[in-house]
Amino acid sequence: MSIQVLFDAQGRVSGLRETWLFDEYYTAFAMEEFAEKGKPGPTQADIDGFVRRAIENLKEYSYFTDVKSEDTPIALGTVTEMSGGLAEASRLWMTFLVPLKTPFDASKKPLTYGVYDPSYYIEMLHVEGENGVRFKDAPDGCQFRKIQPNPTFEAYALAAAADMADTPSETLGALFAERVTIQCK
């Protein structure tokens, strides 16, 4: 995934534009319904429908997006902007804007986000390099720091013991999630 952190005219964080690139296996799974209908491949309308359904399903889980400031949750708004497509005709991608309900002033306190599947069924990682996290319309002095997860031995054991037939833990993913802290000076 890559995240574009959006700032409003007052220099406050107003939302996160998330772009997810799915692996070939998930893409094949997601596009299977079109192959079953005898289509040679999905149309853009098919992909748009998939993205709308995915976003609607993710709403219940806050779009797999956890935003906090000093352990205080920051409320998210409803996704209204979304799009998707096939990259190089083999990998599904989708982009959507997760707005904050109230813009956040990261010059007063740092803002931290994590994007992860709470059950850890799906691993989610930022792309490497400069494109993993970007700012749009940020005031001077804003910077970010990516924090790699540091799960305990117990967390690894819990993940290894997970059975696909069981109901997944809704907290396991947080233990393995990359976090990004944003601070403006």
N, C-alpha and C. Protein backbone atom coordinates (compact mmCIF):
# COMPACT_ATOMS: atom_id res chain seq x y z
N MET A 1 0.84 -1.17 0.00
CA MET A 1 0.00 0.00 0.00
C MET A 1 0.88 1.23 0.00
N SER A 2 0.29 2.32 -0.44
CA SER A 2 0.92 3.63 -0.29
C SER A 2 -0.16 4.56 0.25
N ILE A 3 0.29 5.52 1.05
CA ILE A 3 -0.63 6.43 1.72
C ILE A 3 -0.23 7.86 1.38
N GLN A 4 -1.21 8.64 0.95
CA GLN A 4 -1.02 10.08 0.75
C GLN A 4 -1.76 10.77 1.89
N VAL A 5 -1.00 11.46 2.74
CA VAL A 5 -1.58 12.18 3.87
C VAL A 5 -2.02 13.55 3.36
N LEU A 6 -3.31 13.84 3.50
CA LEU A 6 -3.87 15.09 2.98
C LEU A 6 -3.98 16.12 4.10
N PHE A 7 -3.63 17.36 3.76
CA PHE A 7 -3.74 18.48 4.69
C PHE A 7 -4.72 19.50 4.14
N ASP A 8 -5.46 20.17 5.04
CA ASP A 8 -6.40 21.20 4.61
C ASP A 8 -5.70 22.56 4.53
N ALA A 9 -6.45 23.61 4.21
CA ALA A 9 -5.88 24.95 4.03
C ALA A 9 -5.29 25.51 5.32
N GLN A 10 -5.71 25.00 6.49
CA GLN A 10 -5.17 25.44 7.78
C GLN A 10 -3.96 24.60 8.21
N GLY A 11 -3.52 23.69 7.36
CA GLY A 11 -2.35 22.88 7.68
C GLY A 11 -2.64 21.69 8.58
N ARG A 12 -3.90 21.30 8.67
CA ARG A 12 -4.29 20.17 9.51
C ARG A 12 -4.45 18.92 8.66
N VAL A 13 -4.17 17.77 9.23
CA VAL A 13 -4.38 16.50 8.54
C VAL A 13 -5.88 16.31 8.38
N SER A 14 -6.32 16.12 7.13
CA SER A 14 -7.75 16.00 6.86
C SER A 14 -8.17 14.60 6.39
N GLY A 15 -7.20 13.77 5.99
CA GLY A 15 -7.56 12.44 5.54
C GLY A 15 -6.36 11.67 5.03
N LEU A 16 -6.61 10.41 4.71
CA LEU A 16 -5.60 9.52 4.16
C LEU A 16 -6.12 8.95 2.85
N ARG A 17 -5.39 9.19 1.77
CA ARG A 17 -5.73 8.55 0.50
C ARG A 17 -4.88 7.29 0.42
N GLU A 18 -5.56 6.15 0.48
CA GLU A 18 -4.89 4.86 0.52
C GLU A 18 -4.95 4.19 -0.85
N THR A 19 -3.84 3.65 -1.27
CA THR A 19 -3.80 2.86 -2.49
C THR A 19 -3.30 1.47 -2.12
N TRP A 20 -4.13 0.49 -2.38
CA TRP A 20 -3.78 -0.89 -2.07
C TRP A 20 -3.53 -1.62 -3.39
N LEU A 21 -2.42 -2.34 -3.47
CA LEU A 21 -2.10 -3.20 -4.61
C LEU A 21 -2.14 -4.63 -4.10
N PHE A 22 -3.08 -5.41 -4.63
CA PHE A 22 -3.26 -6.78 -4.17
C PHE A 22 -2.30 -7.72 -4.89
N ASP A 23 -1.93 -8.81 -4.22
CA ASP A 23 -1.05 -9.78 -4.87
C ASP A 23 -1.83 -10.56 -5.93
N GLU A 24 -1.11 -11.36 -6.70
CA GLU A 24 -1.72 -12.09 -7.80
C GLU A 24 -2.77 -13.08 -7.31
N TYR A 25 -2.55 -13.67 -6.15
CA TYR A 25 -3.48 -14.67 -5.64
C TYR A 25 -4.81 -14.04 -5.22
N TYR A 26 -4.74 -12.93 -4.50
CA TYR A 26 -5.99 -12.28 -4.11
C TYR A 26 -6.71 -11.73 -5.35
N THR A 27 -5.94 -11.21 -6.29
CA THR A 27 -6.54 -10.71 -7.54
C THR A 27 -7.31 -11.83 -8.24
N ALA A 28 -6.69 -13.00 -8.35
CA ALA A 28 -7.35 -14.14 -9.00
C ALA A 28 -8.63 -14.51 -8.24
N PHE A 29 -8.56 -14.52 -6.91
CA PHE A 29 -9.73 -14.82 -6.09
C PHE A 29 -10.83 -13.79 -6.33
N ALA A 30 -10.46 -12.52 -6.30
CA ALA A 30 -11.46 -11.45 -6.44
C ALA A 30 -12.09 -11.43 -7.84
N MET A 31 -11.32 -11.79 -8.84
CA MET A 31 -11.81 -11.72 -10.21
C MET A 31 -12.44 -13.03 -10.68
N GLU A 32 -12.46 -14.04 -9.80
CA GLU A 32 -13.00 -15.35 -10.15
C GLU A 32 -14.45 -15.29 -10.61
N GLU A 33 -15.24 -14.41 -10.00
CA GLU A 33 -16.66 -14.33 -10.35
C GLU A 33 -16.86 -13.96 -11.82
N PHE A 34 -15.95 -13.20 -12.39
CA PHE A 34 -16.09 -12.80 -13.79
C PHE A 34 -15.72 -13.95 -14.72
N ALA A 35 -14.72 -14.73 -14.31
CA ALA A 35 -14.34 -15.90 -15.12
C ALA A 35 -15.48 -16.93 -15.12
N GLU A 36 -16.17 -17.06 -13.98
CA GLU A 36 -17.28 -18.00 -13.89
C GLU A 36 -18.43 -17.60 -14.79
N LYS A 37 -18.54 -16.33 -15.11
CA LYS A 37 -19.61 -15.86 -16.00
C LYS A 37 -19.20 -15.96 -17.46
N GLY A 38 -18.02 -16.55 -17.72
CA GLY A 38 -17.57 -16.75 -19.08
C GLY A 38 -16.98 -15.51 -19.73
N LYS A 39 -16.69 -14.50 -18.95
CA LYS A 39 -16.09 -13.29 -19.50
C LYS A 39 -14.59 -13.48 -19.65
N PRO A 40 -13.99 -12.90 -20.67
CA PRO A 40 -12.53 -13.03 -20.84
C PRO A 40 -11.76 -12.28 -19.75
N GLY A 41 -12.37 -11.31 -19.16
CA GLY A 41 -11.75 -10.53 -18.10
C GLY A 41 -12.73 -9.50 -17.61
N PRO A 42 -12.46 -8.91 -16.48
CA PRO A 42 -13.41 -7.93 -15.95
C PRO A 42 -13.36 -6.62 -16.73
N THR A 43 -14.51 -5.98 -16.84
CA THR A 43 -14.57 -4.64 -17.43
C THR A 43 -14.29 -3.64 -16.31
N GLN A 44 -14.13 -2.38 -16.67
CA GLN A 44 -13.94 -1.35 -15.65
C GLN A 44 -15.17 -1.26 -14.76
N ALA A 45 -16.35 -1.47 -15.32
CA ALA A 45 -17.57 -1.45 -14.51
C ALA A 45 -17.56 -2.60 -13.49
N ASP A 46 -17.05 -3.77 -13.89
CA ASP A 46 -16.92 -4.89 -12.96
C ASP A 46 -15.98 -4.53 -11.81
N ILE A 47 -14.84 -3.94 -12.14
CA ILE A 47 -13.85 -3.57 -11.12
C ILE A 47 -14.43 -2.49 -10.21
N ASP A 48 -15.12 -1.52 -10.79
CA ASP A 48 -15.74 -0.47 -9.97
C ASP A 48 -16.74 -1.07 -8.99
N GLY A 49 -17.51 -2.05 -9.44
CA GLY A 49 -18.45 -2.72 -8.55
C GLY A 49 -17.74 -3.47 -7.43
N PHE A 50 -16.65 -4.14 -7.77
CA PHE A 50 -15.86 -4.83 -6.76
C PHE A 50 -15.35 -3.84 -5.71
N VAL A 51 -14.81 -2.71 -6.16
CA VAL A 51 -14.26 -1.71 -5.23
C VAL A 51 -15.36 -1.18 -4.32
N ARG A 52 -16.53 -0.86 -4.88
CA ARG A 52 -17.65 -0.37 -4.05
C ARG A 52 -18.04 -1.40 -2.98
N ARG A 53 -18.13 -2.67 -3.38
CA ARG A 53 -18.48 -3.71 -2.41
C ARG A 53 -17.39 -3.86 -1.35
N ALA A 54 -16.14 -3.83 -1.77
CA ALA A 54 -15.03 -3.96 -0.82
C ALA A 54 -15.04 -2.82 0.19
N ILE A 55 -15.23 -1.60 -0.29
CA ILE A 55 -15.25 -0.44 0.62
C ILE A 55 -16.43 -0.54 1.57
N GLU A 56 -17.57 -0.96 1.08
CA GLU A 56 -18.74 -1.12 1.95
C GLU A 56 -18.47 -2.17 3.02
N ASN A 57 -17.82 -3.27 2.66
CA ASN A 57 -17.49 -4.31 3.63
C ASN A 57 -16.44 -3.83 4.63
N LEU A 58 -15.51 -3.01 4.18
CA LEU A 58 -14.45 -2.51 5.07
C LEU A 58 -14.95 -1.45 6.04
N LYS A 59 -16.08 -0.83 5.74
CA LYS A 59 -16.60 0.24 6.60
C LYS A 59 -16.79 -0.25 8.03
N GLU A 60 -17.29 -1.46 8.18
CA GLU A 60 -17.51 -2.05 9.51
C GLU A 60 -16.21 -2.15 10.32
N TYR A 61 -15.08 -2.22 9.61
CA TYR A 61 -13.76 -2.36 10.25
C TYR A 61 -12.95 -1.07 10.14
N SER A 62 -13.63 0.05 10.01
CA SER A 62 -12.97 1.37 9.88
C SER A 62 -11.95 1.36 8.73
N TYR A 63 -12.30 0.64 7.68
CA TYR A 63 -11.48 0.58 6.46
C TYR A 63 -10.08 0.03 6.76
N PHE A 64 -9.95 -0.81 7.80
CA PHE A 64 -8.66 -1.36 8.25
C PHE A 64 -7.70 -0.23 8.63
N THR A 65 -8.22 0.94 8.96
CA THR A 65 -7.41 2.13 9.23
C THR A 65 -7.60 2.56 10.68
N ASP A 66 -6.50 2.62 11.40
CA ASP A 66 -6.51 2.98 12.82
C ASP A 66 -5.71 4.28 12.96
N VAL A 67 -6.39 5.35 13.37
CA VAL A 67 -5.73 6.65 13.52
C VAL A 67 -5.86 7.07 14.98
N LYS A 68 -4.72 7.47 15.57
CA LYS A 68 -4.71 7.86 16.98
C LYS A 68 -3.78 9.04 17.18
N SER A 69 -3.97 9.68 18.33
CA SER A 69 -3.02 10.66 18.84
C SER A 69 -2.82 10.33 20.31
N GLU A 70 -1.60 9.97 20.64
CA GLU A 70 -1.28 9.59 22.02
C GLU A 70 -2.31 8.61 22.59
N ASP A 71 -2.56 7.54 21.86
CA ASP A 71 -3.49 6.47 22.23
C ASP A 71 -4.96 6.86 22.26
N THR A 72 -5.29 8.09 21.86
CA THR A 72 -6.69 8.50 21.76
C THR A 72 -7.14 8.30 20.32
N PRO A 73 -8.18 7.47 20.11
CA PRO A 73 -8.65 7.25 18.73
C PRO A 73 -9.15 8.54 18.08
N ILE A 74 -8.88 8.68 16.80
CA ILE A 74 -9.36 9.80 15.99
C ILE A 74 -10.48 9.25 15.11
N ALA A 75 -11.65 9.87 15.16
CA ALA A 75 -12.80 9.39 14.40
C ALA A 75 -12.60 9.59 12.90
N LEU A 76 -13.04 8.60 12.16
CA LEU A 76 -12.96 8.63 10.70
C LEU A 76 -14.32 8.94 10.10
N GLY A 77 -14.30 9.58 8.94
CA GLY A 77 -15.52 9.82 8.19
C GLY A 77 -15.80 8.64 7.27
N THR A 78 -16.75 8.81 6.38
CA THR A 78 -17.15 7.78 5.44
C THR A 78 -16.44 7.98 4.11
N VAL A 79 -15.91 6.90 3.57
CA VAL A 79 -15.26 6.94 2.26
C VAL A 79 -16.31 7.25 1.19
N THR A 80 -16.02 8.24 0.37
CA THR A 80 -16.89 8.56 -0.77
C THR A 80 -16.11 8.54 -2.08
N GLU A 81 -14.81 8.77 -2.02
CA GLU A 81 -13.97 8.75 -3.23
C GLU A 81 -13.26 7.40 -3.31
N MET A 82 -13.44 6.71 -4.44
CA MET A 82 -12.79 5.41 -4.62
C MET A 82 -12.66 5.10 -6.10
N SER A 83 -11.64 4.34 -6.43
CA SER A 83 -11.46 3.87 -7.81
C SER A 83 -10.60 2.61 -7.76
N GLY A 84 -10.49 1.95 -8.90
CA GLY A 84 -9.70 0.73 -8.97
C GLY A 84 -9.36 0.38 -10.39
N GLY A 85 -8.54 -0.63 -10.54
CA GLY A 85 -8.14 -1.08 -11.86
C GLY A 85 -7.24 -2.29 -11.76
N LEU A 86 -6.68 -2.68 -12.89
CA LEU A 86 -5.72 -3.77 -12.95
C LEU A 86 -4.38 -3.19 -13.35
N ALA A 87 -3.36 -3.45 -12.55
CA ALA A 87 -2.01 -3.01 -12.86
C ALA A 87 -1.35 -4.08 -13.71
N GLU A 88 -0.85 -3.69 -14.84
CA GLU A 88 -0.17 -4.63 -15.74
C GLU A 88 -1.05 -5.85 -16.03
N ALA A 89 -2.37 -5.66 -15.98
CA ALA A 89 -3.37 -6.69 -16.31
C ALA A 89 -3.30 -7.92 -15.41
N SER A 90 -2.58 -7.84 -14.27
CA SER A 90 -2.51 -9.03 -13.45
C SER A 90 -2.73 -8.78 -11.96
N ARG A 91 -2.70 -7.52 -11.53
CA ARG A 91 -2.88 -7.23 -10.11
C ARG A 91 -3.91 -6.13 -9.91
N LEU A 92 -4.89 -6.44 -9.09
CA LEU A 92 -5.94 -5.50 -8.77
C LEU A 92 -5.41 -4.43 -7.83
N TRP A 93 -5.84 -3.19 -8.04
CA TRP A 93 -5.52 -2.11 -7.12
C TRP A 93 -6.79 -1.33 -6.85
N MET A 94 -6.81 -0.66 -5.69
CA MET A 94 -7.90 0.26 -5.41
C MET A 94 -7.34 1.43 -4.59
N THR A 95 -7.92 2.58 -4.84
CA THR A 95 -7.56 3.81 -4.14
C THR A 95 -8.84 4.39 -3.53
N PHE A 96 -8.73 4.85 -2.29
CA PHE A 96 -9.89 5.45 -1.65
C PHE A 96 -9.43 6.45 -0.60
N LEU A 97 -10.28 7.43 -0.35
CA LEU A 97 -9.97 8.50 0.60
C LEU A 97 -10.72 8.25 1.90
N VAL A 98 -9.95 8.10 2.99
CA VAL A 98 -10.52 7.95 4.33
C VAL A 98 -10.40 9.32 5.00
N PRO A 99 -11.50 10.08 5.08
CA PRO A 99 -11.42 11.40 5.72
C PRO A 99 -11.44 11.29 7.24
N LEU A 100 -10.79 12.22 7.91
CA LEU A 100 -10.96 12.34 9.35
C LEU A 100 -12.25 13.10 9.58
N LYS A 101 -13.03 12.73 10.58
CA LYS A 101 -14.27 13.46 10.85
C LYS A 101 -13.97 14.92 11.17
N THR A 102 -12.88 15.14 11.91
CA THR A 102 -12.45 16.49 12.24
C THR A 102 -10.97 16.59 11.90
N PRO A 103 -10.57 17.57 11.07
CA PRO A 103 -9.15 17.71 10.76
C PRO A 103 -8.31 17.81 12.03
N PHE A 104 -7.09 17.27 11.96
CA PHE A 104 -6.23 17.17 13.14
C PHE A 104 -4.98 18.02 12.96
N ASP A 105 -4.68 18.82 13.98
CA ASP A 105 -3.50 19.70 13.96
C ASP A 105 -2.29 18.93 14.49
N ALA A 106 -1.45 18.44 13.58
CA ALA A 106 -0.28 17.64 13.95
C ALA A 106 0.88 18.50 14.43
N SER A 107 0.67 19.82 14.54
CA SER A 107 1.72 20.67 15.12
C SER A 107 1.58 20.72 16.64
N LYS A 108 0.45 20.32 17.15
CA LYS A 108 0.23 20.33 18.61
C LYS A 108 0.56 18.98 19.23
N LYS A 109 0.17 17.92 18.55
CA LYS A 109 0.45 16.55 19.01
C LYS A 109 0.71 15.70 17.77
N PRO A 110 1.53 14.66 17.91
CA PRO A 110 1.73 13.78 16.76
C PRO A 110 0.47 12.94 16.47
N LEU A 111 0.31 12.61 15.23
CA LEU A 111 -0.77 11.75 14.76
C LEU A 111 -0.13 10.45 14.28
N THR A 112 -0.70 9.33 14.66
CA THR A 112 -0.17 8.03 14.24
C THR A 112 -1.28 7.23 13.57
N TYR A 113 -0.93 6.59 12.45
CA TYR A 113 -1.90 5.70 11.81
C TYR A 113 -1.27 4.34 11.55
N GLY A 114 -2.13 3.35 11.47
CA GLY A 114 -1.76 2.02 11.04
C GLY A 114 -2.87 1.52 10.13
N VAL A 115 -2.50 0.82 9.09
CA VAL A 115 -3.48 0.22 8.19
C VAL A 115 -3.21 -1.28 8.23
N TYR A 116 -4.19 -2.03 8.74
CA TYR A 116 -3.98 -3.46 8.92
C TYR A 116 -5.31 -4.19 9.03
N ASP A 117 -5.26 -5.47 8.69
CA ASP A 117 -6.40 -6.36 8.89
C ASP A 117 -6.39 -6.75 10.36
N PRO A 118 -7.44 -6.44 11.12
CA PRO A 118 -7.44 -6.74 12.55
C PRO A 118 -7.18 -8.22 12.86
N SER A 119 -7.60 -9.12 11.96
CA SER A 119 -7.42 -10.55 12.21
C SER A 119 -6.07 -11.06 11.72
N TYR A 120 -5.33 -10.23 11.01
CA TYR A 120 -4.04 -10.57 10.41
C TYR A 120 -4.16 -11.65 9.34
N TYR A 121 -5.34 -11.80 8.78
CA TYR A 121 -5.51 -12.73 7.66
C TYR A 121 -4.80 -12.18 6.43
N ILE A 122 -4.85 -10.86 6.27
CA ILE A 122 -4.20 -10.19 5.14
C ILE A 122 -3.05 -9.35 5.69
N GLU A 123 -1.85 -9.58 5.19
CA GLU A 123 -0.70 -8.76 5.59
C GLU A 123 -0.69 -7.50 4.75
N MET A 124 -0.49 -6.36 5.40
CA MET A 124 -0.51 -5.08 4.71
C MET A 124 0.77 -4.34 5.03
N LEU A 125 1.51 -3.96 3.98
CA LEU A 125 2.80 -3.29 4.14
C LEU A 125 2.86 -2.08 3.22
N HIS A 126 3.54 -1.03 3.67
CA HIS A 126 3.81 0.12 2.81
C HIS A 126 4.82 -0.29 1.73
N VAL A 127 4.70 0.28 0.55
CA VAL A 127 5.73 0.04 -0.46
C VAL A 127 7.01 0.67 0.05
N GLU A 128 8.12 0.12 -0.38
CA GLU A 128 9.42 0.64 0.04
C GLU A 128 9.72 1.97 -0.65
N GLY A 129 10.54 2.76 -0.04
CA GLY A 129 11.01 4.00 -0.66
C GLY A 129 10.10 5.18 -0.42
N GLU A 130 10.29 6.19 -1.25
CA GLU A 130 9.62 7.49 -1.10
C GLU A 130 8.11 7.43 -1.33
N ASN A 131 7.63 6.45 -2.08
CA ASN A 131 6.20 6.41 -2.41
C ASN A 131 5.33 5.75 -1.36
N GLY A 132 5.92 5.18 -0.32
CA GLY A 132 5.13 4.52 0.71
C GLY A 132 4.25 5.49 1.48
N VAL A 133 4.81 6.66 1.81
CA VAL A 133 4.08 7.71 2.51
C VAL A 133 4.42 9.03 1.84
N ARG A 134 3.38 9.78 1.47
CA ARG A 134 3.58 11.09 0.83
C ARG A 134 2.64 12.09 1.48
N PHE A 135 3.03 13.36 1.43
CA PHE A 135 2.18 14.44 1.94
C PHE A 135 1.62 15.22 0.77
N LYS A 136 0.38 15.70 0.93
CA LYS A 136 -0.21 16.61 -0.06
C LYS A 136 -0.65 17.87 0.67
N ASP A 137 -0.11 19.01 0.24
CA ASP A 137 -0.44 20.32 0.79
C ASP A 137 -0.03 20.47 2.25
N ALA A 138 1.04 19.78 2.66
CA ALA A 138 1.52 19.87 4.04
C ALA A 138 2.24 21.20 4.27
N PRO A 139 2.08 21.78 5.44
CA PRO A 139 2.85 22.98 5.76
C PRO A 139 4.33 22.62 5.93
N ASP A 140 5.19 23.60 5.85
CA ASP A 140 6.61 23.37 6.07
C ASP A 140 6.83 22.79 7.46
N GLY A 141 7.80 21.92 7.58
CA GLY A 141 8.14 21.36 8.88
C GLY A 141 7.43 20.08 9.23
N CYS A 142 6.63 19.54 8.32
CA CYS A 142 5.96 18.27 8.60
C CYS A 142 6.84 17.12 8.15
N GLN A 143 6.88 16.11 8.97
CA GLN A 143 7.64 14.92 8.62
C GLN A 143 6.95 13.69 9.18
N PHE A 144 7.37 12.53 8.70
CA PHE A 144 6.80 11.29 9.18
C PHE A 144 7.91 10.33 9.55
N ARG A 145 7.54 9.36 10.36
CA ARG A 145 8.46 8.30 10.75
C ARG A 145 7.68 6.99 10.69
N LYS A 146 8.20 6.05 9.90
CA LYS A 146 7.58 4.73 9.81
C LYS A 146 8.16 3.86 10.91
N ILE A 147 7.28 3.20 11.66
CA ILE A 147 7.68 2.37 12.78
C ILE A 147 7.35 0.92 12.44
N GLN A 148 8.38 0.11 12.38
CA GLN A 148 8.18 -1.31 12.07
C GLN A 148 7.61 -2.01 13.30
N PRO A 149 6.79 -3.02 13.09
CA PRO A 149 6.23 -3.75 14.23
C PRO A 149 7.33 -4.49 14.98
N ASN A 150 7.10 -4.71 16.24
CA ASN A 150 8.04 -5.44 17.09
C ASN A 150 7.25 -6.42 17.96
N PRO A 151 6.63 -7.42 17.31
CA PRO A 151 5.79 -8.34 18.08
C PRO A 151 6.63 -9.20 19.04
N THR A 152 6.01 -9.57 20.11
CA THR A 152 6.65 -10.43 21.11
C THR A 152 6.66 -11.87 20.62
N PHE A 153 7.43 -12.69 21.31
CA PHE A 153 7.43 -14.12 21.01
C PHE A 153 6.02 -14.70 21.16
N GLU A 154 5.29 -14.20 22.17
CA GLU A 154 3.93 -14.69 22.40
C GLU A 154 3.01 -14.36 21.22
N ALA A 155 3.21 -13.16 20.63
CA ALA A 155 2.41 -12.78 19.46
C ALA A 155 2.70 -13.70 18.28
N TYR A 156 3.98 -14.01 18.06
CA TYR A 156 4.33 -14.95 16.99
C TYR A 156 3.70 -16.31 17.25
N ALA A 157 3.75 -16.77 18.49
CA ALA A 157 3.18 -18.07 18.83
C ALA A 157 1.67 -18.07 18.60
N LEU A 158 1.01 -16.99 18.97
CA LEU A 158 -0.43 -16.87 18.76
C LEU A 158 -0.76 -16.91 17.26
N ALA A 159 0.01 -16.20 16.46
CA ALA A 159 -0.22 -16.18 15.01
C ALA A 159 0.03 -17.56 14.41
N ALA A 160 1.08 -18.24 14.86
CA ALA A 160 1.41 -19.56 14.32
C ALA A 160 0.36 -20.60 14.70
N ALA A 161 -0.27 -20.41 15.85
CA ALA A 161 -1.26 -21.37 16.33
C ALA A 161 -2.65 -21.14 15.74
N ALA A 162 -2.83 -20.02 15.05
CA ALA A 162 -4.15 -19.69 14.51
C ALA A 162 -4.58 -20.75 13.49
N ASP A 163 -5.82 -21.18 13.62
CA ASP A 163 -6.39 -22.17 12.71
C ASP A 163 -7.36 -21.44 11.79
N MET A 164 -7.24 -21.66 10.50
CA MET A 164 -8.09 -20.97 9.53
C MET A 164 -9.57 -21.28 9.77
N ALA A 165 -9.89 -22.39 10.42
CA ALA A 165 -11.29 -22.74 10.66
C ALA A 165 -11.87 -21.99 11.85
N ASP A 166 -11.00 -21.44 12.70
CA ASP A 166 -11.46 -20.70 13.87
C ASP A 166 -11.85 -19.28 13.50
N THR A 167 -12.63 -18.67 14.37
CA THR A 167 -12.92 -17.25 14.23
C THR A 167 -11.64 -16.50 14.58
N PRO A 168 -11.13 -15.65 13.68
CA PRO A 168 -9.85 -15.00 13.96
C PRO A 168 -9.96 -13.97 15.07
N SER A 169 -8.85 -13.79 15.75
CA SER A 169 -8.77 -12.76 16.78
C SER A 169 -8.87 -11.40 16.11
N GLU A 170 -9.62 -10.50 16.69
CA GLU A 170 -9.78 -9.15 16.13
C GLU A 170 -8.66 -8.22 16.58
N THR A 171 -7.66 -8.74 17.29
CA THR A 171 -6.57 -7.89 17.77
C THR A 171 -5.21 -8.34 17.28
N LEU A 172 -5.12 -9.48 16.67
CA LEU A 172 -3.83 -10.02 16.24
C LEU A 172 -3.14 -9.11 15.23
N GLY A 173 -3.88 -8.57 14.27
CA GLY A 173 -3.28 -7.74 13.24
C GLY A 173 -2.57 -6.51 13.78
N ALA A 174 -3.08 -5.93 14.85
CA ALA A 174 -2.45 -4.73 15.43
C ALA A 174 -1.04 -5.02 15.92
N LEU A 175 -0.78 -6.25 16.35
CA LEU A 175 0.55 -6.60 16.86
C LEU A 175 1.61 -6.64 15.76
N PHE A 176 1.17 -6.82 14.50
CA PHE A 176 2.09 -6.96 13.38
C PHE A 176 2.03 -5.77 12.41
N ALA A 177 1.35 -4.71 12.80
CA ALA A 177 1.10 -3.59 11.89
C ALA A 177 2.23 -2.57 11.89
N GLU A 178 2.58 -2.12 10.67
CA GLU A 178 3.46 -0.96 10.55
C GLU A 178 2.66 0.26 11.01
N ARG A 179 3.32 1.20 11.63
CA ARG A 179 2.69 2.45 12.06
C ARG A 179 3.48 3.60 11.46
N VAL A 180 2.78 4.70 11.25
CA VAL A 180 3.43 5.92 10.76
C VAL A 180 3.01 7.06 11.68
N THR A 181 4.00 7.78 12.19
CA THR A 181 3.74 8.94 13.03
C THR A 181 4.04 10.19 12.24
N ILE A 182 3.11 11.14 12.29
CA ILE A 182 3.21 12.41 11.57
C ILE A 182 3.31 13.53 12.60
N GLN A 183 4.30 14.39 12.43
CA GLN A 183 4.49 15.53 13.33
C GLN A 183 4.87 16.75 12.50
N CYS A 184 4.22 17.86 12.78
CA CYS A 184 4.54 19.12 12.11
C CYS A 184 5.09 20.09 13.15
N LYS A 185 6.09 20.83 12.78
CA LYS A 185 6.71 21.81 13.71
C LYS A 185 6.41 23.21 13.26
